[in-house]
Amino acid sequence: MKNAEIHIRDPFVLTEGGQYYMYGTRGGNFGQKTGGFDVYTGTDLQIWSEPKPIFESAEYGLDRDVHWAPELHKYGGRYYLFATFTQANGRRATYSLVSDTPDGTFAPVSGKPLTPEEWWSLDGTLFIDDDGAPWLVFCHEHVQILNGTVCAVRLTPDLGAPAGEPILLFYGSDAYGAPANDEGRYVTDGPFLHRGENGRLYMMWSTGINGQYCQCLAVSEGGGVTGPWRQLEPMFTADGGHGMLFRALDGQLMLTLHRPNNQPDERPQFFAVTDDGSTLRVVGD
């Protein structure tokens, strides 16, 4: 399959064993009632395998509504998917799933959410600090608090439960030039952390700016996940976002995101990225 034929949102790529594994939100119906997740494999970021199902949510009581933003992280020799589902109480939350292979069958680690059950939360991503402690960085949704936030919470070593209370990192209104939407809300979604070549810790995240879905960027002034975080100029402002960074097989730092942001046209796209020591830039942007 070519990229133009793959209808997913929130693409996420793992590079391993001489090939790429790509995950994402099934594009139909905005990721609602889609039943689970798939993986695509390839070697050139252009041609991919047919989708292989890796998680069937109905088997675990998670086939309620949304199936959003699966992220694959290798940790402790196993492979963990962090994804957003609808809880039994109707509110969204991030759960962790695990498999022994990146294209295997995944199962919930604990069956319980990693984010607070009473919150509307989404898009959890894994970060390992300098002491080896795992953290979940996620968004507290604007649908509940108007001014959406990005938060962090430490996880237990098995990645199956929170190990403390969430810490506020920043607000959606902190974005570089982001106005509130028509309802007075500030959107936050899709956080992803990246340690730059000079040791700086960056966070990509997305919101709307001037009517366009954008790939925002922040840097930790403290060097760690708890910040403080300073917003930089966005990386991408042409109606694309919820991206992540990975190394291509040749070592090039790459950005993938979905673009455009409207149904049913979302497709994965790929861009080379440079790190000049002060920020991350899309090549040619």
C-alpha atoms as a PDB file:
ATOM      1  CA  MET A   1       0.000   0.000   0.000  1.00  0.00           C
ATOM      2  CA  LYS A   2       1.156   3.558  -0.738  1.00  0.00           C
ATOM      3  CA  ASN A   3       0.872   6.325   1.844  1.00  0.00           C
ATOM      4  CA  ALA A   4      -1.932   7.903  -0.163  1.00  0.00           C
ATOM      5  CA  GLU A   5      -3.936   4.690   0.260  1.00  0.00           C
ATOM      6  CA  ILE A   6      -3.532   4.411   4.038  1.00  0.00           C
ATOM      7  CA  HIS A   7      -6.320   6.182   5.908  1.00  0.00           C
ATOM      8  CA  ILE A   8      -5.021   6.660   9.445  1.00  0.00           C
ATOM      9  CA  ARG A   9      -4.651   9.485  11.921  1.00  0.00           C
ATOM     10  CA  ASP A  10      -1.889   9.947  14.506  1.00  0.00           C
ATOM     11  CA  PRO A  11       0.819   7.888  12.750  1.00  0.00           C
ATOM     12  CA  PHE A  12       3.572   6.418  14.924  1.00  0.00           C
ATOM     13  CA  VAL A  13       6.670   4.649  13.568  1.00  0.00           C
ATOM     14  CA  LEU A  14       9.096   2.200  15.176  1.00  0.00           C
ATOM     15  CA  THR A  15      12.376   1.477  13.368  1.00  0.00           C
ATOM     16  CA  GLU A  16      13.695  -1.981  14.185  1.00  0.00           C
ATOM     17  CA  GLY A  17      15.339  -4.930  12.476  1.00  0.00           C
ATOM     18  CA  GLY A  18      15.874  -3.142   9.184  1.00  0.00           C
ATOM     19  CA  GLN A  19      12.255  -2.179   8.714  1.00  0.00           C
ATOM     20  CA  TYR A  20       9.556   0.221   9.846  1.00  0.00           C
ATOM     21  CA  TYR A  21       6.446  -0.571  11.847  1.00  0.00           C
ATOM     22  CA  MET A  22       3.673   2.020  11.519  1.00  0.00           C
ATOM     23  CA  TYR A  23       0.680   2.329  13.837  1.00  0.00           C
ATOM     24  CA  GLY A  24      -2.208   4.772  13.879  1.00  0.00           C
ATOM     25  CA  THR A  25      -5.849   5.476  14.531  1.00  0.00           C
ATOM     26  CA  ARG A  26      -8.054   3.704  12.015  1.00  0.00           C
ATOM     27  CA  GLY A  27      -9.366   6.598   9.975  1.00  0.00           C
ATOM     28  CA  GLY A  28     -12.997   5.612   9.611  1.00  0.00           C
ATOM     29  CA  ASN A  29     -15.525   7.603  11.660  1.00  0.00           C
ATOM     30  CA  PHE A  30     -12.785   9.627  13.332  1.00  0.00           C
ATOM     31  CA  GLY A  31     -11.498   6.550  15.177  1.00  0.00           C
ATOM     32  CA  GLN A  32     -14.842   5.768  16.823  1.00  0.00           C
ATOM     33  CA  LYS A  33     -16.228   2.235  16.965  1.00  0.00           C
ATOM     34  CA  THR A  34     -13.289   0.966  14.895  1.00  0.00           C
ATOM     35  CA  GLY A  35     -12.676  -2.125  17.026  1.00  0.00           C
ATOM     36  CA  GLY A  36      -8.912  -1.969  17.516  1.00  0.00           C
ATOM     37  CA  PHE A  37      -5.525  -1.284  15.957  1.00  0.00           C
ATOM     38  CA  ASP A  38      -3.297  -2.453  13.107  1.00  0.00           C
ATOM     39  CA  VAL A  39       0.358  -2.360  12.120  1.00  0.00           C
ATOM     40  CA  TYR A  40       1.839  -1.699   8.681  1.00  0.00           C
ATOM     41  CA  THR A  41       5.398  -2.776   7.838  1.00  0.00           C
ATOM     42  CA  GLY A  42       7.776  -1.468   5.186  1.00  0.00           C
ATOM     43  CA  THR A  43      11.350  -0.531   4.368  1.00  0.00           C
ATOM     44  CA  ASP A  44      11.164   2.799   2.487  1.00  0.00           C
ATOM     45  CA  LEU A  45       8.383   4.924   4.091  1.00  0.00           C
ATOM     46  CA  GLN A  46       6.534   4.786   0.769  1.00  0.00           C
ATOM     47  CA  ILE A  47       5.225   1.259   0.239  1.00  0.00           C
ATOM     48  CA  TRP A  48       3.677  -0.664   3.111  1.00  0.00           C
ATOM     49  CA  SER A  49       2.151  -4.052   3.813  1.00  0.00           C
ATOM     50  CA  GLU A  50      -1.562  -4.524   4.168  1.00  0.00           C
ATOM     51  CA  PRO A  51      -2.702  -3.722   7.721  1.00  0.00           C
ATOM     52  CA  LYS A  52      -2.254  -6.528  10.227  1.00  0.00           C
ATOM     53  CA  PRO A  53      -4.649  -6.429  13.219  1.00  0.00           C
ATOM     54  CA  ILE A  54      -2.778  -6.418  16.530  1.00  0.00           C
ATOM     55  CA  PHE A  55      -5.490  -5.553  19.066  1.00  0.00           C
ATOM     56  CA  GLU A  56      -9.169  -6.438  19.158  1.00  0.00           C
ATOM     57  CA  SER A  57     -10.802  -4.243  21.777  1.00  0.00           C
ATOM     58  CA  ALA A  58     -14.009  -6.267  22.099  1.00  0.00           C
ATOM     59  CA  GLU A  59     -12.034  -9.114  23.692  1.00  0.00           C
ATOM     60  CA  TYR A  60     -11.189  -6.894  26.664  1.00  0.00           C
ATOM     61  CA  GLY A  61     -14.310  -4.783  27.154  1.00  0.00           C
ATOM     62  CA  LEU A  62     -12.742  -1.722  25.522  1.00  0.00           C
ATOM     63  CA  ASP A  63     -14.936  -1.584  22.421  1.00  0.00           C
ATOM     64  CA  ARG A  64     -17.085   1.259  23.751  1.00  0.00           C
ATOM     65  CA  ASP A  65     -16.351   4.242  21.521  1.00  0.00           C
ATOM     66  CA  VAL A  66     -12.947   5.761  20.665  1.00  0.00           C
ATOM     67  CA  HIS A  67      -9.787   3.871  19.679  1.00  0.00           C
ATOM     68  CA  TRP A  68      -7.230   6.646  19.358  1.00  0.00           C
ATOM     69  CA  ALA A  69      -3.527   7.256  18.891  1.00  0.00           C
ATOM     70  CA  PRO A  70      -1.689   3.958  19.514  1.00  0.00           C
ATOM     71  CA  GLU A  71       1.992   4.562  20.316  1.00  0.00           C
ATOM     72  CA  LEU A  72       4.543   1.746  20.331  1.00  0.00           C
ATOM     73  CA  HIS A  73       7.389   1.933  22.872  1.00  0.00           C
ATOM     74  CA  LYS A  74       9.998  -0.722  23.594  1.00  0.00           C
ATOM     75  CA  TYR A  75      10.631  -1.023  27.320  1.00  0.00           C
ATOM     76  CA  GLY A  76      12.270  -3.770  29.342  1.00  0.00           C
ATOM     77  CA  GLY A  77      12.539  -6.031  26.313  1.00  0.00           C
ATOM     78  CA  ARG A  78       8.796  -5.933  25.572  1.00  0.00           C
ATOM     79  CA  TYR A  79       6.607  -3.757  23.371  1.00  0.00           C
ATOM     80  CA  TYR A  80       3.979  -1.467  24.849  1.00  0.00           C
ATOM     81  CA  LEU A  81       1.130   0.298  23.090  1.00  0.00           C
ATOM     82  CA  PHE A  82      -0.305   3.366  24.794  1.00  0.00           C
ATOM     83  CA  ALA A  83      -3.731   4.233  23.423  1.00  0.00           C
ATOM     84  CA  THR A  84      -6.891   6.161  24.246  1.00  0.00           C
ATOM     85  CA  PHE A  85     -10.165   4.334  24.904  1.00  0.00           C
ATOM     86  CA  THR A  86     -13.533   5.260  26.360  1.00  0.00           C
ATOM     87  CA  GLN A  87     -13.956   4.140  29.966  1.00  0.00           C
ATOM     88  CA  ALA A  88     -17.093   2.504  31.353  1.00  0.00           C
ATOM     89  CA  ASN A  89     -18.015   5.917  32.823  1.00  0.00           C
ATOM     90  CA  GLY A  90     -18.018   7.449  29.325  1.00  0.00           C
ATOM     91  CA  ARG A  91     -14.844   9.485  29.790  1.00  0.00           C
ATOM     92  CA  ARG A  92     -11.704   8.986  27.729  1.00  0.00           C
ATOM     93  CA  ALA A  93      -8.449   7.676  29.221  1.00  0.00           C
ATOM     94  CA  THR A  94      -5.072   6.234  28.248  1.00  0.00           C
ATOM     95  CA  TYR A  95      -4.442   2.510  28.758  1.00  0.00           C
ATOM     96  CA  SER A  96      -1.294   0.424  28.232  1.00  0.00           C
ATOM     97  CA  LEU A  97      -1.153  -2.764  26.144  1.00  0.00           C
ATOM     98  CA  VAL A  98       1.764  -5.184  25.829  1.00  0.00           C
ATOM     99  CA  SER A  99       3.170  -7.806  23.449  1.00  0.00           C
ATOM    100  CA  ASP A 100       6.451  -9.673  23.037  1.00  0.00           C
ATOM    101  CA  THR A 101       6.818  -8.490  19.421  1.00  0.00           C
ATOM    102  CA  PRO A 102       6.003  -5.216  17.657  1.00  0.00           C
ATOM    103  CA  ASP A 103       3.569  -6.945  15.296  1.00  0.00           C
ATOM    104  CA  GLY A 104       2.166  -9.456  17.753  1.00  0.00           C
ATOM    105  CA  THR A 105      -1.159  -9.677  19.509  1.00  0.00           C
ATOM    106  CA  PHE A 106      -1.416  -7.057  22.258  1.00  0.00           C
ATOM    107  CA  ALA A 107      -3.285  -7.370  25.557  1.00  0.00           C
ATOM    108  CA  PRO A 108      -3.949  -4.855  28.345  1.00  0.00           C
ATOM    109  CA  VAL A 109      -1.268  -4.667  31.031  1.00  0.00           C
ATOM    110  CA  SER A 110      -3.764  -4.208  33.849  1.00  0.00           C
ATOM    111  CA  GLY A 111      -7.115  -3.310  32.320  1.00  0.00           C
ATOM    112  CA  LYS A 112      -7.170  -0.059  34.289  1.00  0.00           C
ATOM    113  CA  PRO A 113      -6.543   3.455  32.950  1.00  0.00           C
ATOM    114  CA  LEU A 114      -3.244   5.218  33.557  1.00  0.00           C
ATOM    115  CA  THR A 115      -4.924   8.627  33.652  1.00  0.00           C
ATOM    116  CA  PRO A 116      -7.385   9.747  36.360  1.00  0.00           C
ATOM    117  CA  GLU A 117     -10.717   7.989  35.933  1.00  0.00           C
ATOM    118  CA  GLU A 118     -12.701  11.171  36.624  1.00  0.00           C
ATOM    119  CA  TRP A 119     -10.811  13.166  33.964  1.00  0.00           C
ATOM    120  CA  TRP A 120     -11.336  13.368  30.233  1.00  0.00           C
ATOM    121  CA  SER A 121      -7.811  12.493  29.064  1.00  0.00           C
ATOM    122  CA  LEU A 122      -6.145  11.339  25.886  1.00  0.00           C
ATOM    123  CA  ASP A 123      -2.935  10.746  23.926  1.00  0.00           C
ATOM    124  CA  GLY A 124      -0.595   9.360  26.560  1.00  0.00           C
ATOM    125  CA  THR A 125       3.055   8.952  25.560  1.00  0.00           C
ATOM    126  CA  LEU A 126       5.890   7.230  27.420  1.00  0.00           C
ATOM    127  CA  PHE A 127       8.993   9.029  28.692  1.00  0.00           C
ATOM    128  CA  ILE A 128      11.872   7.452  30.645  1.00  0.00           C
ATOM    129  CA  ASP A 129      13.752   9.933  32.853  1.00  0.00           C
ATOM    130  CA  ASP A 130      17.474   9.987  33.610  1.00  0.00           C
ATOM    131  CA  ASP A 131      16.916   7.752  36.646  1.00  0.00           C
ATOM    132  CA  GLY A 132      15.155   5.138  34.531  1.00  0.00           C
ATOM    133  CA  ALA A 133      11.704   5.945  35.931  1.00  0.00           C
ATOM    134  CA  PRO A 134       8.777   5.721  33.486  1.00  0.00           C
ATOM    135  CA  TRP A 135       6.390   8.650  33.039  1.00  0.00           C
ATOM    136  CA  LEU A 136       3.190   9.091  31.098  1.00  0.00           C
ATOM    137  CA  VAL A 137       2.774  12.488  29.448  1.00  0.00           C
ATOM    138  CA  PHE A 138      -0.830  13.087  28.395  1.00  0.00           C
ATOM    139  CA  CYS A 139      -3.502  15.711  27.768  1.00  0.00           C
ATOM    140  CA  HIS A 140      -6.326  16.752  30.085  1.00  0.00           C
ATOM    141  CA  GLU A 141      -8.999  17.579  27.550  1.00  0.00           C
ATOM    142  CA  HIS A 142     -10.497  20.961  26.779  1.00  0.00           C
ATOM    143  CA  VAL A 143     -13.943  19.331  26.694  1.00  0.00           C
ATOM    144  CA  GLN A 144     -13.776  19.193  30.492  1.00  0.00           C
ATOM    145  CA  ILE A 145     -11.607  22.133  31.533  1.00  0.00           C
ATOM    146  CA  LEU A 146     -11.879  24.578  28.569  1.00  0.00           C
ATOM    147  CA  ASN A 147      -8.160  25.445  28.644  1.00  0.00           C
ATOM    148  CA  GLY A 148      -6.680  22.040  27.864  1.00  0.00           C
ATOM    149  CA  THR A 149      -3.422  21.044  29.535  1.00  0.00           C
ATOM    150  CA  VAL A 150      -0.461  18.736  29.110  1.00  0.00           C
ATOM    151  CA  CYS A 151       0.324  16.764  32.272  1.00  0.00           C
ATOM    152  CA  ALA A 152       2.740  14.073  33.441  1.00  0.00           C
ATOM    153  CA  VAL A 153       2.402  11.228  35.931  1.00  0.00           C
ATOM    154  CA  ARG A 154       4.926   8.636  37.063  1.00  0.00           C
ATOM    155  CA  LEU A 155       4.070   5.027  36.287  1.00  0.00           C
ATOM    156  CA  THR A 156       4.674   1.789  38.119  1.00  0.00           C
ATOM    157  CA  PRO A 157       7.584  -0.300  36.740  1.00  0.00           C
ATOM    158  CA  ASP A 158       5.191  -2.629  34.889  1.00  0.00           C
ATOM    159  CA  LEU A 159       3.588   0.396  33.129  1.00  0.00           C
ATOM    160  CA  GLY A 160       0.206  -0.789  34.337  1.00  0.00           C
ATOM    161  CA  ALA A 161      -0.803   1.938  36.804  1.00  0.00           C
ATOM    162  CA  PRO A 162       0.023   5.487  37.925  1.00  0.00           C
ATOM    163  CA  ALA A 163       2.565   5.794  40.730  1.00  0.00           C
ATOM    164  CA  GLY A 164       1.592   9.260  41.907  1.00  0.00           C
ATOM    165  CA  GLU A 165      -0.573  12.257  41.138  1.00  0.00           C
ATOM    166  CA  PRO A 166      -0.506  14.116  37.784  1.00  0.00           C
ATOM    167  CA  ILE A 167       1.718  17.181  37.443  1.00  0.00           C
ATOM    168  CA  LEU A 168       0.628  20.126  35.304  1.00  0.00           C
ATOM    169  CA  LEU A 169       3.218  20.970  32.639  1.00  0.00           C
ATOM    170  CA  PHE A 170       1.511  23.718  30.588  1.00  0.00           C
ATOM    171  CA  TYR A 171      -1.775  25.001  29.191  1.00  0.00           C
ATOM    172  CA  GLY A 172      -3.073  25.020  25.653  1.00  0.00           C
ATOM    173  CA  SER A 173      -3.245  28.814  25.867  1.00  0.00           C
ATOM    174  CA  ASP A 174       0.561  28.840  26.261  1.00  0.00           C
ATOM    175  CA  ALA A 175       1.001  27.841  22.611  1.00  0.00           C
ATOM    176  CA  TYR A 176       2.951  30.152  20.346  1.00  0.00           C
ATOM    177  CA  GLY A 177       0.191  32.358  18.894  1.00  0.00           C
ATOM    178  CA  ALA A 178      -2.708  29.955  19.491  1.00  0.00           C
ATOM    179  CA  PRO A 179      -6.115  31.634  19.930  1.00  0.00           C
ATOM    180  CA  ALA A 180      -9.034  30.002  21.664  1.00  0.00           C
ATOM    181  CA  ASN A 181     -11.434  28.199  19.344  1.00  0.00           C
ATOM    182  CA  ASP A 182     -14.945  29.461  18.671  1.00  0.00           C
ATOM    183  CA  GLU A 183     -16.175  28.028  21.969  1.00  0.00           C
ATOM    184  CA  GLY A 184     -13.415  29.652  24.014  1.00  0.00           C
ATOM    185  CA  ARG A 185     -11.502  26.411  24.370  1.00  0.00           C
ATOM    186  CA  TYR A 186      -7.801  25.682  23.931  1.00  0.00           C
ATOM    187  CA  VAL A 187      -7.082  22.253  22.466  1.00  0.00           C
ATOM    188  CA  THR A 188      -4.123  20.098  23.529  1.00  0.00           C
ATOM    189  CA  ASP A 189      -3.342  16.743  21.977  1.00  0.00           C
ATOM    190  CA  GLY A 190      -0.617  14.418  20.755  1.00  0.00           C
ATOM    191  CA  PRO A 191       2.387  15.059  23.061  1.00  0.00           C
ATOM    192  CA  PHE A 192       5.656  13.344  22.133  1.00  0.00           C
ATOM    193  CA  LEU A 193       9.064  13.865  23.795  1.00  0.00           C
ATOM    194  CA  HIS A 194      12.463  13.827  22.097  1.00  0.00           C
ATOM    195  CA  ARG A 195      15.944  14.258  23.542  1.00  0.00           C
ATOM    196  CA  GLY A 196      17.939  16.440  21.130  1.00  0.00           C
ATOM    197  CA  GLU A 197      21.530  15.876  20.112  1.00  0.00           C
ATOM    198  CA  ASN A 198      22.773  18.486  22.575  1.00  0.00           C
ATOM    199  CA  GLY A 199      20.730  17.018  25.424  1.00  0.00           C
ATOM    200  CA  ARG A 200      17.800  19.427  25.205  1.00  0.00           C
ATOM    201  CA  LEU A 201      14.428  17.851  25.888  1.00  0.00           C
ATOM    202  CA  TYR A 202      11.759  18.790  23.365  1.00  0.00           C
ATOM    203  CA  MET A 203       8.050  18.116  23.376  1.00  0.00           C
ATOM    204  CA  MET A 204       5.909  18.129  20.268  1.00  0.00           C
ATOM    205  CA  TRP A 205       2.161  18.586  20.689  1.00  0.00           C
ATOM    206  CA  SER A 206      -0.739  19.840  18.595  1.00  0.00           C
ATOM    207  CA  THR A 207      -3.446  22.481  18.647  1.00  0.00           C
ATOM    208  CA  GLY A 208      -5.229  24.804  16.235  1.00  0.00           C
ATOM    209  CA  ILE A 209      -3.635  28.088  15.153  1.00  0.00           C
ATOM    210  CA  ASN A 210      -5.337  30.451  12.702  1.00  0.00           C
ATOM    211  CA  GLY A 211      -7.759  27.763  11.640  1.00  0.00           C
ATOM    212  CA  GLN A 212      -5.052  25.205  10.900  1.00  0.00           C
ATOM    213  CA  TYR A 213      -4.065  22.085  12.806  1.00  0.00           C
ATOM    214  CA  CYS A 214      -0.432  22.633  13.813  1.00  0.00           C
ATOM    215  CA  GLN A 215       2.578  20.740  15.088  1.00  0.00           C
ATOM    216  CA  CYS A 216       3.717  22.759  18.096  1.00  0.00           C
ATOM    217  CA  LEU A 217       7.062  22.509  19.880  1.00  0.00           C
ATOM    218  CA  ALA A 218       8.263  23.224  23.415  1.00  0.00           C
ATOM    219  CA  VAL A 219      11.582  22.849  25.229  1.00  0.00           C
ATOM    220  CA  SER A 220      12.193  21.959  28.873  1.00  0.00           C
ATOM    221  CA  GLU A 221      14.206  24.729  30.498  1.00  0.00           C
ATOM    222  CA  GLY A 222      14.936  22.399  33.400  1.00  0.00           C
ATOM    223  CA  GLY A 223      16.021  19.567  31.138  1.00  0.00           C
ATOM    224  CA  GLY A 224      13.495  17.078  32.505  1.00  0.00           C
ATOM    225  CA  VAL A 225       9.911  16.081  32.055  1.00  0.00           C
ATOM    226  CA  THR A 226       8.642  18.385  34.809  1.00  0.00           C
ATOM    227  CA  GLY A 227      10.017  21.445  32.992  1.00  0.00           C
ATOM    228  CA  PRO A 228       9.447  24.334  33.189  1.00  0.00           C
ATOM    229  CA  TRP A 229       8.426  24.223  29.527  1.00  0.00           C
ATOM    230  CA  ARG A 230       8.926  27.110  27.100  1.00  0.00           C
ATOM    231  CA  GLN A 231       6.989  27.221  23.853  1.00  0.00           C
ATOM    232  CA  LEU A 232       8.926  27.606  20.601  1.00  0.00           C
ATOM    233  CA  GLU A 233       7.704  28.440  17.117  1.00  0.00           C
ATOM    234  CA  PRO A 234       5.591  25.606  15.683  1.00  0.00           C
ATOM    235  CA  MET A 235       7.309  23.025  13.507  1.00  0.00           C
ATOM    236  CA  PHE A 236       4.470  22.664  11.007  1.00  0.00           C
ATOM    237  CA  THR A 237       1.474  24.920  10.397  1.00  0.00           C
ATOM    238  CA  ALA A 238      -0.079  23.551   7.182  1.00  0.00           C
ATOM    239  CA  ASP A 239      -3.011  21.606   8.685  1.00  0.00           C
ATOM    240  CA  GLY A 240      -0.946  18.653   9.884  1.00  0.00           C
ATOM    241  CA  GLY A 241      -0.192  17.394  13.366  1.00  0.00           C
ATOM    242  CA  HIS A 242      -0.283  14.743  16.088  1.00  0.00           C
ATOM    243  CA  GLY A 243       3.208  13.812  14.984  1.00  0.00           C
ATOM    244  CA  MET A 244       6.248  12.032  16.352  1.00  0.00           C
ATOM    245  CA  LEU A 245       9.953  11.726  15.581  1.00  0.00           C
ATOM    246  CA  PHE A 246      11.932   8.632  14.649  1.00  0.00           C
ATOM    247  CA  ARG A 247      15.236   7.707  13.040  1.00  0.00           C
ATOM    248  CA  ALA A 248      15.112   6.455   9.472  1.00  0.00           C
ATOM    249  CA  LEU A 249      17.163   3.429   8.505  1.00  0.00           C
ATOM    250  CA  ASP A 250      19.908   5.784   7.278  1.00  0.00           C
ATOM    251  CA  GLY A 251      19.933   7.688  10.588  1.00  0.00           C
ATOM    252  CA  GLN A 252      18.022  10.764   9.382  1.00  0.00           C
ATOM    253  CA  LEU A 253      15.708  12.283  11.986  1.00  0.00           C
ATOM    254  CA  MET A 254      12.169  12.119  10.586  1.00  0.00           C
ATOM    255  CA  LEU A 255       8.790  13.604  11.456  1.00  0.00           C
ATOM    256  CA  THR A 256       5.568  11.784  10.660  1.00  0.00           C
ATOM    257  CA  LEU A 257       2.139  13.342  11.132  1.00  0.00           C
ATOM    258  CA  HIS A 258      -1.300  13.098   9.596  1.00  0.00           C
ATOM    259  CA  ARG A 259      -2.379  15.677   7.063  1.00  0.00           C
ATOM    260  CA  PRO A 260      -4.887  17.155   6.365  1.00  0.00           C
ATOM    261  CA  ASN A 261      -6.880  17.084   9.578  1.00  0.00           C
ATOM    262  CA  ASN A 262     -10.316  16.651   8.005  1.00  0.00           C
ATOM    263  CA  GLN A 263     -12.281  13.454   7.418  1.00  0.00           C
ATOM    264  CA  PRO A 264     -11.883  11.348   5.335  1.00  0.00           C
ATOM    265  CA  ASP A 265      -8.692  12.721   3.802  1.00  0.00           C
ATOM    266  CA  GLU A 266      -6.110  12.129   6.572  1.00  0.00           C
ATOM    267  CA  ARG A 267      -2.963  10.318   5.420  1.00  0.00           C
ATOM    268  CA  PRO A 268       0.489   9.722   6.971  1.00  0.00           C
ATOM    269  CA  GLN A 269       3.179  12.074   5.707  1.00  0.00           C
ATOM    270  CA  PHE A 270       6.936  12.123   6.311  1.00  0.00           C
ATOM    271  CA  PHE A 271       9.457  14.975   6.549  1.00  0.00           C
ATOM    272  CA  ALA A 272      13.176  15.194   7.337  1.00  0.00           C
ATOM    273  CA  VAL A 273      14.004  17.217  10.449  1.00  0.00           C
ATOM    274  CA  THR A 274      17.138  19.121  11.475  1.00  0.00           C
ATOM    275  CA  ASP A 275      18.339  19.774  15.023  1.00  0.00           C
ATOM    276  CA  ASP A 276      20.456  22.955  15.187  1.00  0.00           C
ATOM    277  CA  GLY A 277      20.879  22.872  18.965  1.00  0.00           C
ATOM    278  CA  SER A 278      18.217  25.499  19.622  1.00  0.00           C
ATOM    279  CA  THR A 279      15.143  24.050  17.919  1.00  0.00           C
ATOM    280  CA  LEU A 280      13.875  21.363  15.561  1.00  0.00           C
ATOM    281  CA  ARG A 281      12.971  22.331  12.007  1.00  0.00           C
ATOM    282  CA  VAL A 282      11.269  20.560   9.131  1.00  0.00           C
ATOM    283  CA  VAL A 283      13.636  20.518   6.154  1.00  0.00           C
ATOM    284  CA  GLY A 284      12.393  22.874   3.470  1.00  0.00           C
ATOM    285  CA  ASP A 285       9.697  24.390   5.676  1.00  0.00           C
END
